[in-house]
């Protein structure tokens, strides 16, 4: 689910939905770390950024998930262990938790 997410009056709405891979070119939606302009291209780079924001890896019970939590909140980020399955749904979950730190970029 890529496109533009609009938050208005407490309602979230996806506009201009498109597939994750555009035009058959293999270009994918990307998660961008705004302070550095870095495109998150692996879980190691994402984990480094999340740790800097106070997130810790969480040992939940699901072996197919990579999860992060913050001691100071009840938030949980759940991602598929296989980075190739990391898609815009997971990216927007991260953006909602850090709207001034991350942005989803469509190619």
PDB file of N, CA and C in Angstrom:
ATOM      1  N   UNK A   1       0.827  -1.172   0.000  1.00  0.00           N
ATOM      2  CA  UNK A   1       0.000   0.000   0.000  1.00  0.00           C
ATOM      3  C   UNK A   1       0.874   1.238   0.000  1.00  0.00           C
ATOM      4  N   UNK A   2       1.239   1.696  -1.151  1.00  0.00           N
ATOM      5  CA  UNK A   2       1.982   2.934  -1.210  1.00  0.00           C
ATOM      6  C   UNK A   2       1.075   4.017  -1.766  1.00  0.00           C
ATOM      7  N   UNK A   3       1.471   5.210  -1.575  1.00  0.00           N
ATOM      8  CA  UNK A   3       0.688   6.353  -1.983  1.00  0.00           C
ATOM      9  C   UNK A   3       0.931   7.468  -0.998  1.00  0.00           C
ATOM     10  N   UNK A   4      -0.036   8.317  -0.830  1.00  0.00           N
ATOM     11  CA  UNK A   4       0.088   9.431   0.103  1.00  0.00           C
ATOM     12  C   UNK A   4      -0.900   9.234   1.237  1.00  0.00           C
ATOM     13  N   UNK A   5      -0.389   9.202   2.452  1.00  0.00           N
ATOM     14  CA  UNK A   5      -1.243   9.090   3.637  1.00  0.00           C
ATOM     15  C   UNK A   5      -1.561  10.491   4.116  1.00  0.00           C
ATOM     16  N   UNK A   6      -2.837  10.792   4.304  1.00  0.00           N
ATOM     17  CA  UNK A   6      -3.259  12.083   4.829  1.00  0.00           C
ATOM     18  C   UNK A   6      -3.921  11.892   6.183  1.00  0.00           C
ATOM     19  N   UNK A   7      -3.510  12.691   7.144  1.00  0.00           N
ATOM     20  CA  UNK A   7      -4.099  12.696   8.474  1.00  0.00           C
ATOM     21  C   UNK A   7      -4.889  13.984   8.614  1.00  0.00           C
ATOM     22  N   UNK A   8      -6.201  13.890   8.699  1.00  0.00           N
ATOM     23  CA  UNK A   8      -7.025  15.078   8.863  1.00  0.00           C
ATOM     24  C   UNK A   8      -8.159  14.775   9.826  1.00  0.00           C
ATOM     25  N   UNK A   9      -8.288  15.631  10.834  1.00  0.00           N
ATOM     26  CA  UNK A   9      -9.368  15.517  11.804  1.00  0.00           C
ATOM     27  C   UNK A   9      -9.449  14.124  12.418  1.00  0.00           C
ATOM     28  N   UNK A  10      -8.289  13.560  12.741  1.00  0.00           N
ATOM     29  CA  UNK A  10      -8.240  12.259  13.389  1.00  0.00           C
ATOM     30  C   UNK A  10      -8.486  11.066  12.488  1.00  0.00           C
ATOM     31  N   UNK A  11      -8.537  11.295  11.181  1.00  0.00           N
ATOM     32  CA  UNK A  11      -8.799  10.215  10.232  1.00  0.00           C
ATOM     33  C   UNK A  11      -7.588  10.051   9.328  1.00  0.00           C
ATOM     34  N   UNK A  12      -7.152   8.800   9.131  1.00  0.00           N
ATOM     35  CA  UNK A  12      -6.052   8.511   8.225  1.00  0.00           C
ATOM     36  C   UNK A  12      -6.643   7.955   6.934  1.00  0.00           C
ATOM     37  N   UNK A  13      -6.168   8.478   5.813  1.00  0.00           N
ATOM     38  CA  UNK A  13      -6.709   8.056   4.529  1.00  0.00           C
ATOM     39  C   UNK A  13      -5.566   7.913   3.531  1.00  0.00           C
ATOM     40  N   UNK A  14      -5.553   6.797   2.787  1.00  0.00           N
ATOM     41  CA  UNK A  14      -4.556   6.576   1.745  1.00  0.00           C
ATOM     42  C   UNK A  14      -5.099   7.090   0.419  1.00  0.00           C
ATOM     43  N   UNK A  15      -4.345   7.997  -0.209  1.00  0.00           N
ATOM     44  CA  UNK A  15      -4.745   8.539  -1.500  1.00  0.00           C
ATOM     45  C   UNK A  15      -3.730   8.105  -2.553  1.00  0.00           C
ATOM     46  N   UNK A  16      -4.192   7.928  -3.772  1.00  0.00           N
ATOM     47  CA  UNK A  16      -3.361   7.500  -4.890  1.00  0.00           C
ATOM     48  C   UNK A  16      -2.637   6.192  -4.609  1.00  0.00           C
ATOM     49  N   UNK A  17      -3.356   5.139  -4.182  1.00  0.00           N
ATOM     50  CA  UNK A  17      -2.664   3.879  -3.897  1.00  0.00           C
ATOM     51  C   UNK A  17      -2.036   3.305  -5.155  1.00  0.00           C
ATOM     52  N   UNK A  18      -0.845   2.757  -4.970  1.00  0.00           N
ATOM     53  CA  UNK A  18      -0.106   2.118  -6.054  1.00  0.00           C
ATOM     54  C   UNK A  18       0.531   0.862  -5.503  1.00  0.00           C
ATOM     55  N   UNK A  19       1.004   0.010  -6.370  1.00  0.00           N
ATOM     56  CA  UNK A  19       1.709  -1.198  -5.929  1.00  0.00           C
ATOM     57  C   UNK A  19       3.071  -0.808  -5.387  1.00  0.00           C
ATOM     58  N   UNK A  20       3.687  -1.691  -4.596  1.00  0.00           N
ATOM     59  CA  UNK A  20       5.014  -1.436  -4.045  1.00  0.00           C
ATOM     60  C   UNK A  20       6.089  -1.365  -5.118  1.00  0.00           C
ATOM     61  N   UNK A  21       5.963  -2.163  -6.155  1.00  0.00           N
ATOM     62  CA  UNK A  21       6.930  -2.125  -7.240  1.00  0.00           C
ATOM     63  C   UNK A  21       6.258  -1.425  -8.408  1.00  0.00           C
ATOM     64  N   UNK A  22       6.893  -0.395  -8.952  1.00  0.00           N
ATOM     65  CA  UNK A  22       6.265   0.465  -9.941  1.00  0.00           C
ATOM     66  C   UNK A  22       6.725   0.142 -11.350  1.00  0.00           C
ATOM     67  N   UNK A  23       5.755   0.056 -12.246  1.00  0.00           N
ATOM     68  CA  UNK A  23       6.034  -0.032 -13.665  1.00  0.00           C
ATOM     69  C   UNK A  23       6.876  -1.202 -14.102  1.00  0.00           C
ATOM     70  N   UNK A  24       7.013  -2.233 -13.298  1.00  0.00           N
ATOM     71  CA  UNK A  24       7.794  -3.383 -13.670  1.00  0.00           C
ATOM     72  C   UNK A  24       9.287  -3.114 -13.726  1.00  0.00           C
ATOM     73  N   UNK A  25       9.729  -1.940 -13.244  1.00  0.00           N
ATOM     74  CA  UNK A  25      11.141  -1.599 -13.315  1.00  0.00           C
ATOM     75  C   UNK A  25      11.922  -2.143 -12.133  1.00  0.00           C
ATOM     76  N   UNK A  26      11.225  -2.666 -11.136  1.00  0.00           N
ATOM     77  CA  UNK A  26      11.904  -3.178  -9.957  1.00  0.00           C
ATOM     78  C   UNK A  26      12.191  -2.108  -8.920  1.00  0.00           C
ATOM     79  N   UNK A  27      11.867  -0.859  -9.223  1.00  0.00           N
ATOM     80  CA  UNK A  27      12.076   0.204  -8.238  1.00  0.00           C
ATOM     81  C   UNK A  27      11.004   0.090  -7.181  1.00  0.00           C
ATOM     82  N   UNK A  28      11.413   0.145  -5.928  1.00  0.00           N
ATOM     83  CA  UNK A  28      10.492  -0.082  -4.824  1.00  0.00           C
ATOM     84  C   UNK A  28      10.307   1.181  -3.990  1.00  0.00           C
ATOM     85  N   UNK A  29       9.205   1.190  -3.281  1.00  0.00           N
ATOM     86  CA  UNK A  29       8.973   2.214  -2.283  1.00  0.00           C
ATOM     87  C   UNK A  29      10.118   2.130  -1.274  1.00  0.00           C
ATOM     88  N   UNK A  30      10.569   3.280  -0.781  1.00  0.00           N
ATOM     89  CA  UNK A  30      11.727   3.298   0.109  1.00  0.00           C
ATOM     90  C   UNK A  30      11.414   4.068   1.385  1.00  0.00           C
ATOM     91  N   UNK A  31      12.018   3.630   2.478  1.00  0.00           N
ATOM     92  CA  UNK A  31      11.954   4.333   3.757  1.00  0.00           C
ATOM     93  C   UNK A  31      13.200   5.204   3.851  1.00  0.00           C
ATOM     94  N   UNK A  32      12.997   6.504   4.076  1.00  0.00           N
ATOM     95  CA  UNK A  32      14.108   7.449   4.123  1.00  0.00           C
ATOM     96  C   UNK A  32      14.233   8.022   5.529  1.00  0.00           C
ATOM     97  N   UNK A  33      15.462   8.019   6.050  1.00  0.00           N
ATOM     98  CA  UNK A  33      15.776   8.653   7.325  1.00  0.00           C
ATOM     99  C   UNK A  33      16.059  10.118   7.029  1.00  0.00           C
ATOM    100  N   UNK A  34      15.139  11.009   7.426  1.00  0.00           N
ATOM    101  CA  UNK A  34      15.203  12.414   7.034  1.00  0.00           C
ATOM    102  C   UNK A  34      16.448  13.157   7.517  1.00  0.00           C
ATOM    103  N   UNK A  35      16.901  12.981   8.779  1.00  0.00           N
ATOM    104  CA  UNK A  35      18.065  13.759   9.210  1.00  0.00           C
ATOM    105  C   UNK A  35      19.322  13.517   8.381  1.00  0.00           C
ATOM    106  N   UNK A  36      19.482  12.298   7.856  1.00  0.00           N
ATOM    107  CA  UNK A  36      20.693  11.988   7.088  1.00  0.00           C
ATOM    108  C   UNK A  36      20.424  11.834   5.597  1.00  0.00           C
ATOM    109  N   UNK A  37      19.151  11.685   5.203  1.00  0.00           N
ATOM    110  CA  UNK A  37      18.815  11.416   3.812  1.00  0.00           C
ATOM    111  C   UNK A  37      19.077   9.982   3.398  1.00  0.00           C
ATOM    112  N   UNK A  38      19.449   9.141   4.344  1.00  0.00           N
ATOM    113  CA  UNK A  38      19.777   7.742   4.073  1.00  0.00           C
ATOM    114  C   UNK A  38      18.524   6.942   3.732  1.00  0.00           C
ATOM    115  N   UNK A  39      18.599   6.172   2.657  1.00  0.00           N
ATOM    116  CA  UNK A  39      17.540   5.234   2.316  1.00  0.00           C
ATOM    117  C   UNK A  39      17.835   3.946   3.083  1.00  0.00           C
ATOM    118  N   UNK A  40      16.859   3.487   3.845  1.00  0.00           N
ATOM    119  CA  UNK A  40      17.047   2.267   4.629  1.00  0.00           C
ATOM    120  C   UNK A  40      17.066   1.094   3.664  1.00  0.00           C
ATOM    121  N   UNK A  41      18.233   0.457   3.565  1.00  0.00           N
ATOM    122  CA  UNK A  41      18.416  -0.620   2.594  1.00  0.00           C
ATOM    123  C   UNK A  41      18.655  -1.974   3.240  1.00  0.00           C
ATOM    124  N   UNK A  42      18.660  -2.010   4.576  1.00  0.00           N
ATOM    125  CA  UNK A  42      18.851  -3.272   5.292  1.00  0.00           C
ATOM    126  C   UNK A  42      18.340  -3.113   6.719  1.00  0.00           C
ATOM    127  N   UNK A  43      18.120  -4.252   7.345  1.00  0.00           N
ATOM    128  CA  UNK A  43      17.702  -4.187   8.742  1.00  0.00           C
ATOM    129  C   UNK A  43      18.826  -3.687   9.638  1.00  0.00           C
ATOM    130  N   UNK A  44      20.072  -3.914   9.270  1.00  0.00           N
ATOM    131  CA  UNK A  44      21.158  -3.411  10.120  1.00  0.00           C
ATOM    132  C   UNK A  44      21.159  -1.884  10.143  1.00  0.00           C
ATOM    133  N   UNK A  45      20.910  -1.238   9.005  1.00  0.00           N
ATOM    134  CA  UNK A  45      20.863   0.228   9.016  1.00  0.00           C
ATOM    135  C   UNK A  45      19.617   0.724   9.754  1.00  0.00           C
ATOM    136  N   UNK A  46      18.484   0.044   9.582  1.00  0.00           N
ATOM    137  CA  UNK A  46      17.269   0.438  10.299  1.00  0.00           C
ATOM    138  C   UNK A  46      17.446   0.249  11.798  1.00  0.00           C
ATOM    139  N   UNK A  47      18.040  -0.865  12.195  1.00  0.00           N
ATOM    140  CA  UNK A  47      18.234  -1.119  13.625  1.00  0.00           C
ATOM    141  C   UNK A  47      19.156  -0.067  14.245  1.00  0.00           C
ATOM    142  N   UNK A  48      20.199   0.336  13.532  1.00  0.00           N
ATOM    143  CA  UNK A  48      21.107   1.363  14.033  1.00  0.00           C
ATOM    144  C   UNK A  48      20.344   2.669  14.289  1.00  0.00           C
ATOM    145  N   UNK A  49      19.490   3.048  13.352  1.00  0.00           N
ATOM    146  CA  UNK A  49      18.712   4.281  13.500  1.00  0.00           C
ATOM    147  C   UNK A  49      17.712   4.150  14.638  1.00  0.00           C
ATOM    148  N   UNK A  50      16.999   3.016  14.693  1.00  0.00           N
ATOM    149  CA  UNK A  50      15.999   2.826  15.752  1.00  0.00           C
ATOM    150  C   UNK A  50      16.639   2.808  17.131  1.00  0.00           C
ATOM    151  N   UNK A  51      17.802   2.181  17.258  1.00  0.00           N
ATOM    152  CA  UNK A  51      18.497   2.179  18.563  1.00  0.00           C
ATOM    153  C   UNK A  51      18.828   3.603  19.001  1.00  0.00           C
ATOM    154  N   UNK A  52      19.231   4.439  18.056  1.00  0.00           N
ATOM    155  CA  UNK A  52      19.513   5.839  18.364  1.00  0.00           C
ATOM    156  C   UNK A  52      18.280   6.604  18.821  1.00  0.00           C
ATOM    157  N   UNK A  53      17.096   6.088  18.471  1.00  0.00           N
ATOM    158  CA  UNK A  53      15.841   6.712  18.882  1.00  0.00           C
ATOM    159  C   UNK A  53      15.254   6.069  20.144  1.00  0.00           C
ATOM    160  N   UNK A  54      16.006   5.138  20.738  1.00  0.00           N
ATOM    161  CA  UNK A  54      15.567   4.529  21.994  1.00  0.00           C
ATOM    162  C   UNK A  54      14.849   3.197  21.862  1.00  0.00           C
ATOM    163  N   UNK A  55      14.812   2.630  20.669  1.00  0.00           N
ATOM    164  CA  UNK A  55      14.159   1.337  20.469  1.00  0.00           C
ATOM    165  C   UNK A  55      15.143   0.216  20.778  1.00  0.00           C
ATOM    166  N   UNK A  56      14.610  -0.877  21.298  1.00  0.00           N
ATOM    167  CA  UNK A  56      15.416  -2.070  21.591  1.00  0.00           C
ATOM    168  C   UNK A  56      14.781  -3.257  20.891  1.00  0.00           C
ATOM    169  N   UNK A  57      15.628  -4.220  20.523  1.00  0.00           N
ATOM    170  CA  UNK A  57      15.077  -5.431  19.923  1.00  0.00           C
ATOM    171  C   UNK A  57      14.301  -6.187  20.986  1.00  0.00           C
ATOM    172  N   UNK A  58      13.146  -6.668  20.616  1.00  0.00           N
ATOM    173  CA  UNK A  58      12.225  -7.352  21.522  1.00  0.00           C
ATOM    174  C   UNK A  58      12.172  -8.823  21.145  1.00  0.00           C
ATOM    175  N   UNK A  59      12.315  -9.668  22.131  1.00  0.00           N
ATOM    176  CA  UNK A  59      12.253 -11.112  21.888  1.00  0.00           C
ATOM    177  C   UNK A  59      10.844 -11.590  22.140  1.00  0.00           C
ATOM    178  N   UNK A  60       9.972 -11.374  21.156  1.00  0.00           N
ATOM    179  CA  UNK A  60       8.603 -11.868  21.254  1.00  0.00           C
ATOM    180  C   UNK A  60       8.606 -13.369  21.035  1.00  0.00           C
ATOM    181  N   UNK A  61       7.489 -13.949  20.786  1.00  0.00           N
ATOM    182  CA  UNK A  61       7.432 -15.380  20.614  1.00  0.00           C
ATOM    183  C   UNK A  61       7.454 -15.845  19.180  1.00  0.00           C
ATOM    184  N   UNK A  62       7.346 -14.913  18.218  1.00  0.00           N
ATOM    185  CA  UNK A  62       7.216 -15.310  16.825  1.00  0.00           C
ATOM    186  C   UNK A  62       8.584 -15.342  16.140  1.00  0.00           C
ATOM    187  N   UNK A  63       9.039 -16.521  15.709  1.00  0.00           N
ATOM    188  CA  UNK A  63      10.360 -16.618  15.081  1.00  0.00           C
ATOM    189  C   UNK A  63      10.437 -15.985  13.691  1.00  0.00           C
ATOM    190  N   UNK A  64       9.288 -15.651  13.092  1.00  0.00           N
ATOM    191  CA  UNK A  64       9.273 -15.051  11.758  1.00  0.00           C
ATOM    192  C   UNK A  64       9.292 -13.529  11.795  1.00  0.00           C
ATOM    193  N   UNK A  65       9.296 -12.946  13.000  1.00  0.00           N
ATOM    194  CA  UNK A  65       9.250 -11.489  13.130  1.00  0.00           C
ATOM    195  C   UNK A  65      10.493 -10.939  13.801  1.00  0.00           C
ATOM    196  N   UNK A  66      10.865  -9.757  13.385  1.00  0.00           N
ATOM    197  CA  UNK A  66      11.877  -8.952  14.040  1.00  0.00           C
ATOM    198  C   UNK A  66      11.094  -7.826  14.705  1.00  0.00           C
ATOM    199  N   UNK A  67      11.197  -7.722  16.034  1.00  0.00           N
ATOM    200  CA  UNK A  67      10.376  -6.741  16.740  1.00  0.00           C
ATOM    201  C   UNK A  67      11.237  -5.796  17.569  1.00  0.00           C
ATOM    202  N   UNK A  68      10.739  -4.555  17.682  1.00  0.00           N
ATOM    203  CA  UNK A  68      11.403  -3.521  18.468  1.00  0.00           C
ATOM    204  C   UNK A  68      10.377  -2.874  19.387  1.00  0.00           C
ATOM    205  N   UNK A  69      10.835  -2.501  20.586  1.00  0.00           N
ATOM    206  CA  UNK A  69       9.957  -1.785  21.518  1.00  0.00           C
ATOM    207  C   UNK A  69      10.756  -0.702  22.213  1.00  0.00           C
ATOM    208  N   UNK A  70      10.017   0.228  22.810  1.00  0.00           N
ATOM    209  CA  UNK A  70      10.612   1.316  23.586  1.00  0.00           C
ATOM    210  C   UNK A  70      10.222   1.124  25.035  1.00  0.00           C
ATOM    211  N   UNK A  71      11.168   1.279  25.922  1.00  0.00           N
ATOM    212  CA  UNK A  71      10.882   1.166  27.356  1.00  0.00           C
ATOM    213  C   UNK A  71       9.870   2.222  27.793  1.00  0.00           C
ATOM    214  N   UNK A  72       9.907   3.400  27.150  1.00  0.00           N
ATOM    215  CA  UNK A  72       9.080   4.515  27.580  1.00  0.00           C
ATOM    216  C   UNK A  72       7.673   4.512  26.980  1.00  0.00           C
ATOM    217  N   UNK A  73       7.322   3.476  26.212  1.00  0.00           N
ATOM    218  CA  UNK A  73       5.997   3.463  25.603  1.00  0.00           C
ATOM    219  C   UNK A  73       5.493   2.028  25.453  1.00  0.00           C
ATOM    220  N   UNK A  74       4.275   1.917  24.979  1.00  0.00           N
ATOM    221  CA  UNK A  74       3.708   0.595  24.729  1.00  0.00           C
ATOM    222  C   UNK A  74       3.822   0.225  23.249  1.00  0.00           C
ATOM    223  N   UNK A  75       4.455   1.086  22.453  1.00  0.00           N
ATOM    224  CA  UNK A  75       4.585   0.851  21.023  1.00  0.00           C
ATOM    225  C   UNK A  75       5.470  -0.350  20.725  1.00  0.00           C
ATOM    226  N   UNK A  76       5.137  -1.033  19.642  1.00  0.00           N
ATOM    227  CA  UNK A  76       5.895  -2.175  19.168  1.00  0.00           C
ATOM    228  C   UNK A  76       5.968  -2.081  17.649  1.00  0.00           C
ATOM    229  N   UNK A  77       7.143  -2.287  17.108  1.00  0.00           N
ATOM    230  CA  UNK A  77       7.330  -2.353  15.660  1.00  0.00           C
ATOM    231  C   UNK A  77       7.597  -3.808  15.317  1.00  0.00           C
ATOM    232  N   UNK A  78       6.763  -4.384  14.469  1.00  0.00           N
ATOM    233  CA  UNK A  78       6.916  -5.776  14.054  1.00  0.00           C
ATOM    234  C   UNK A  78       7.204  -5.821  12.565  1.00  0.00           C
ATOM    235  N   UNK A  79       8.311  -6.476  12.212  1.00  0.00           N
ATOM    236  CA  UNK A  79       8.761  -6.552  10.831  1.00  0.00           C
ATOM    237  C   UNK A  79       9.023  -8.001  10.458  1.00  0.00           C
ATOM    238  N   UNK A  80       8.846  -8.358   9.193  1.00  0.00           N
ATOM    239  CA  UNK A  80       9.187  -9.723   8.781  1.00  0.00           C
ATOM    240  C   UNK A  80      10.700  -9.909   8.866  1.00  0.00           C
ATOM    241  N   UNK A  81      11.167 -11.077   9.296  1.00  0.00           N
ATOM    242  CA  UNK A  81      12.613 -11.311   9.406  1.00  0.00           C
ATOM    243  C   UNK A  81      13.319 -11.186   8.062  1.00  0.00           C
ATOM    244  N   UNK A  82      12.636 -11.523   7.004  1.00  0.00           N
ATOM    245  CA  UNK A  82      13.202 -11.442   5.662  1.00  0.00           C
ATOM    246  C   UNK A  82      13.027 -10.017   5.138  1.00  0.00           C
ATOM    247  N   UNK A  83      14.140  -9.286   4.951  1.00  0.00           N
ATOM    248  CA  UNK A  83      14.071  -7.888   4.530  1.00  0.00           C
ATOM    249  C   UNK A  83      13.384  -7.724   3.174  1.00  0.00           C
ATOM    250  N   UNK A  84      13.432  -8.743   2.327  1.00  0.00           N
ATOM    251  CA  UNK A  84      12.775  -8.628   1.023  1.00  0.00           C
ATOM    252  C   UNK A  84      11.253  -8.541   1.157  1.00  0.00           C
ATOM    253  N   UNK A  85      10.721  -8.895   2.323  1.00  0.00           N
ATOM    254  CA  UNK A  85       9.284  -8.800   2.580  1.00  0.00           C
ATOM    255  C   UNK A  85       8.911  -7.507   3.314  1.00  0.00           C
ATOM    256  N   UNK A  86       9.898  -6.667   3.603  1.00  0.00           N
ATOM    257  CA  UNK A  86       9.693  -5.364   4.234  1.00  0.00           C
ATOM    258  C   UNK A  86       9.028  -4.467   3.199  1.00  0.00           C
ATOM    259  N   UNK A  87       7.786  -4.044   3.445  1.00  0.00           N
ATOM    260  CA  UNK A  87       7.040  -3.289   2.441  1.00  0.00           C
ATOM    261  C   UNK A  87       6.484  -1.993   3.018  1.00  0.00           C
ATOM    262  N   UNK A  88       5.691  -1.307   2.224  1.00  0.00           N
ATOM    263  CA  UNK A  88       5.202   0.019   2.618  1.00  0.00           C
ATOM    264  C   UNK A  88       4.328  -0.025   3.871  1.00  0.00           C
ATOM    265  N   UNK A  89       3.639  -1.106   4.122  1.00  0.00           N
ATOM    266  CA  UNK A  89       2.831  -1.210   5.344  1.00  0.00           C
ATOM    267  C   UNK A  89       3.739  -1.102   6.564  1.00  0.00           C
ATOM    268  N   UNK A  90       4.871  -1.810   6.536  1.00  0.00           N
ATOM    269  CA  UNK A  90       5.822  -1.750   7.652  1.00  0.00           C
ATOM    270  C   UNK A  90       6.472  -0.374   7.737  1.00  0.00           C
ATOM    271  N   UNK A  91       6.763   0.206   6.562  1.00  0.00           N
ATOM    272  CA  UNK A  91       7.384   1.530   6.535  1.00  0.00           C
ATOM    273  C   UNK A  91       6.471   2.577   7.151  1.00  0.00           C
ATOM    274  N   UNK A  92       5.184   2.538   6.793  1.00  0.00           N
ATOM    275  CA  UNK A  92       4.249   3.527   7.342  1.00  0.00           C
ATOM    276  C   UNK A  92       4.053   3.338   8.841  1.00  0.00           C
ATOM    277  N   UNK A  93       4.173   2.121   9.343  1.00  0.00           N
ATOM    278  CA  UNK A  93       4.101   1.898  10.785  1.00  0.00           C
ATOM    279  C   UNK A  93       5.232   2.653  11.479  1.00  0.00           C
ATOM    280  N   UNK A  94       6.408   2.623  10.895  1.00  0.00           N
ATOM    281  CA  UNK A  94       7.562   3.342  11.455  1.00  0.00           C
ATOM    282  C   UNK A  94       7.362   4.850  11.314  1.00  0.00           C
ATOM    283  N   UNK A  95       6.854   5.304  10.179  1.00  0.00           N
ATOM    284  CA  UNK A  95       6.632   6.737   9.950  1.00  0.00           C
ATOM    285  C   UNK A  95       5.606   7.293  10.926  1.00  0.00           C
ATOM    286  N   UNK A  96       4.546   6.558  11.196  1.00  0.00           N
ATOM    287  CA  UNK A  96       3.517   7.029  12.127  1.00  0.00           C
ATOM    288  C   UNK A  96       4.118   7.227  13.516  1.00  0.00           C
ATOM    289  N   UNK A  97       5.057   6.384  13.895  1.00  0.00           N
ATOM    290  CA  UNK A  97       5.683   6.496  15.212  1.00  0.00           C
ATOM    291  C   UNK A  97       6.762   7.586  15.258  1.00  0.00           C
ATOM    292  N   UNK A  98       7.304   7.958  14.083  1.00  0.00           N
ATOM    293  CA  UNK A  98       8.345   8.997  13.994  1.00  0.00           C
ATOM    294  C   UNK A  98       8.151   9.844  12.732  1.00  0.00           C
ATOM    295  N   UNK A  99       7.088  10.654  12.677  1.00  0.00           N
ATOM    296  CA  UNK A  99       6.781  11.394  11.444  1.00  0.00           C
ATOM    297  C   UNK A  99       7.824  12.439  11.059  1.00  0.00           C
ATOM    298  N   UNK A 100       8.612  12.914  11.993  1.00  0.00           N
ATOM    299  CA  UNK A 100       9.627  13.923  11.674  1.00  0.00           C
ATOM    300  C   UNK A 100      10.996  13.311  11.416  1.00  0.00           C
ATOM    301  N   UNK A 101      11.089  11.999  11.536  1.00  0.00           N
ATOM    302  CA  UNK A 101      12.368  11.309  11.384  1.00  0.00           C
ATOM    303  C   UNK A 101      12.411  10.458  10.120  1.00  0.00           C
ATOM    304  N   UNK A 102      11.266   9.904   9.750  1.00  0.00           N
ATOM    305  CA  UNK A 102      11.207   9.026   8.578  1.00  0.00           C
ATOM    306  C   UNK A 102      10.155   9.516   7.593  1.00  0.00           C
ATOM    307  N   UNK A 103      10.353   9.143   6.336  1.00  0.00           N
ATOM    308  CA  UNK A 103       9.385   9.434   5.273  1.00  0.00           C
ATOM    309  C   UNK A 103       9.424   8.270   4.311  1.00  0.00           C
ATOM    310  N   UNK A 104       8.278   7.944   3.730  1.00  0.00           N
ATOM    311  CA  UNK A 104       8.216   6.924   2.693  1.00  0.00           C
ATOM    312  C   UNK A 104       8.281   7.638   1.358  1.00  0.00           C
ATOM    313  N   UNK A 105       9.183   7.159   0.512  1.00  0.00           N
ATOM    314  CA  UNK A 105       9.363   7.779  -0.803  1.00  0.00           C
ATOM    315  C   UNK A 105       8.953   6.770  -1.875  1.00  0.00           C
ATOM    316  N   UNK A 106       8.068   7.203  -2.743  1.00  0.00           N
ATOM    317  CA  UNK A 106       7.682   6.394  -3.895  1.00  0.00           C
ATOM    318  C   UNK A 106       8.618   6.742  -5.028  1.00  0.00           C
ATOM    319  N   UNK A 107       9.040   5.735  -5.802  1.00  0.00           N
ATOM    320  CA  UNK A 107       9.966   6.014  -6.909  1.00  0.00           C
ATOM    321  C   UNK A 107       9.313   6.853  -7.993  1.00  0.00           C
TER     322      UNK A 107
END
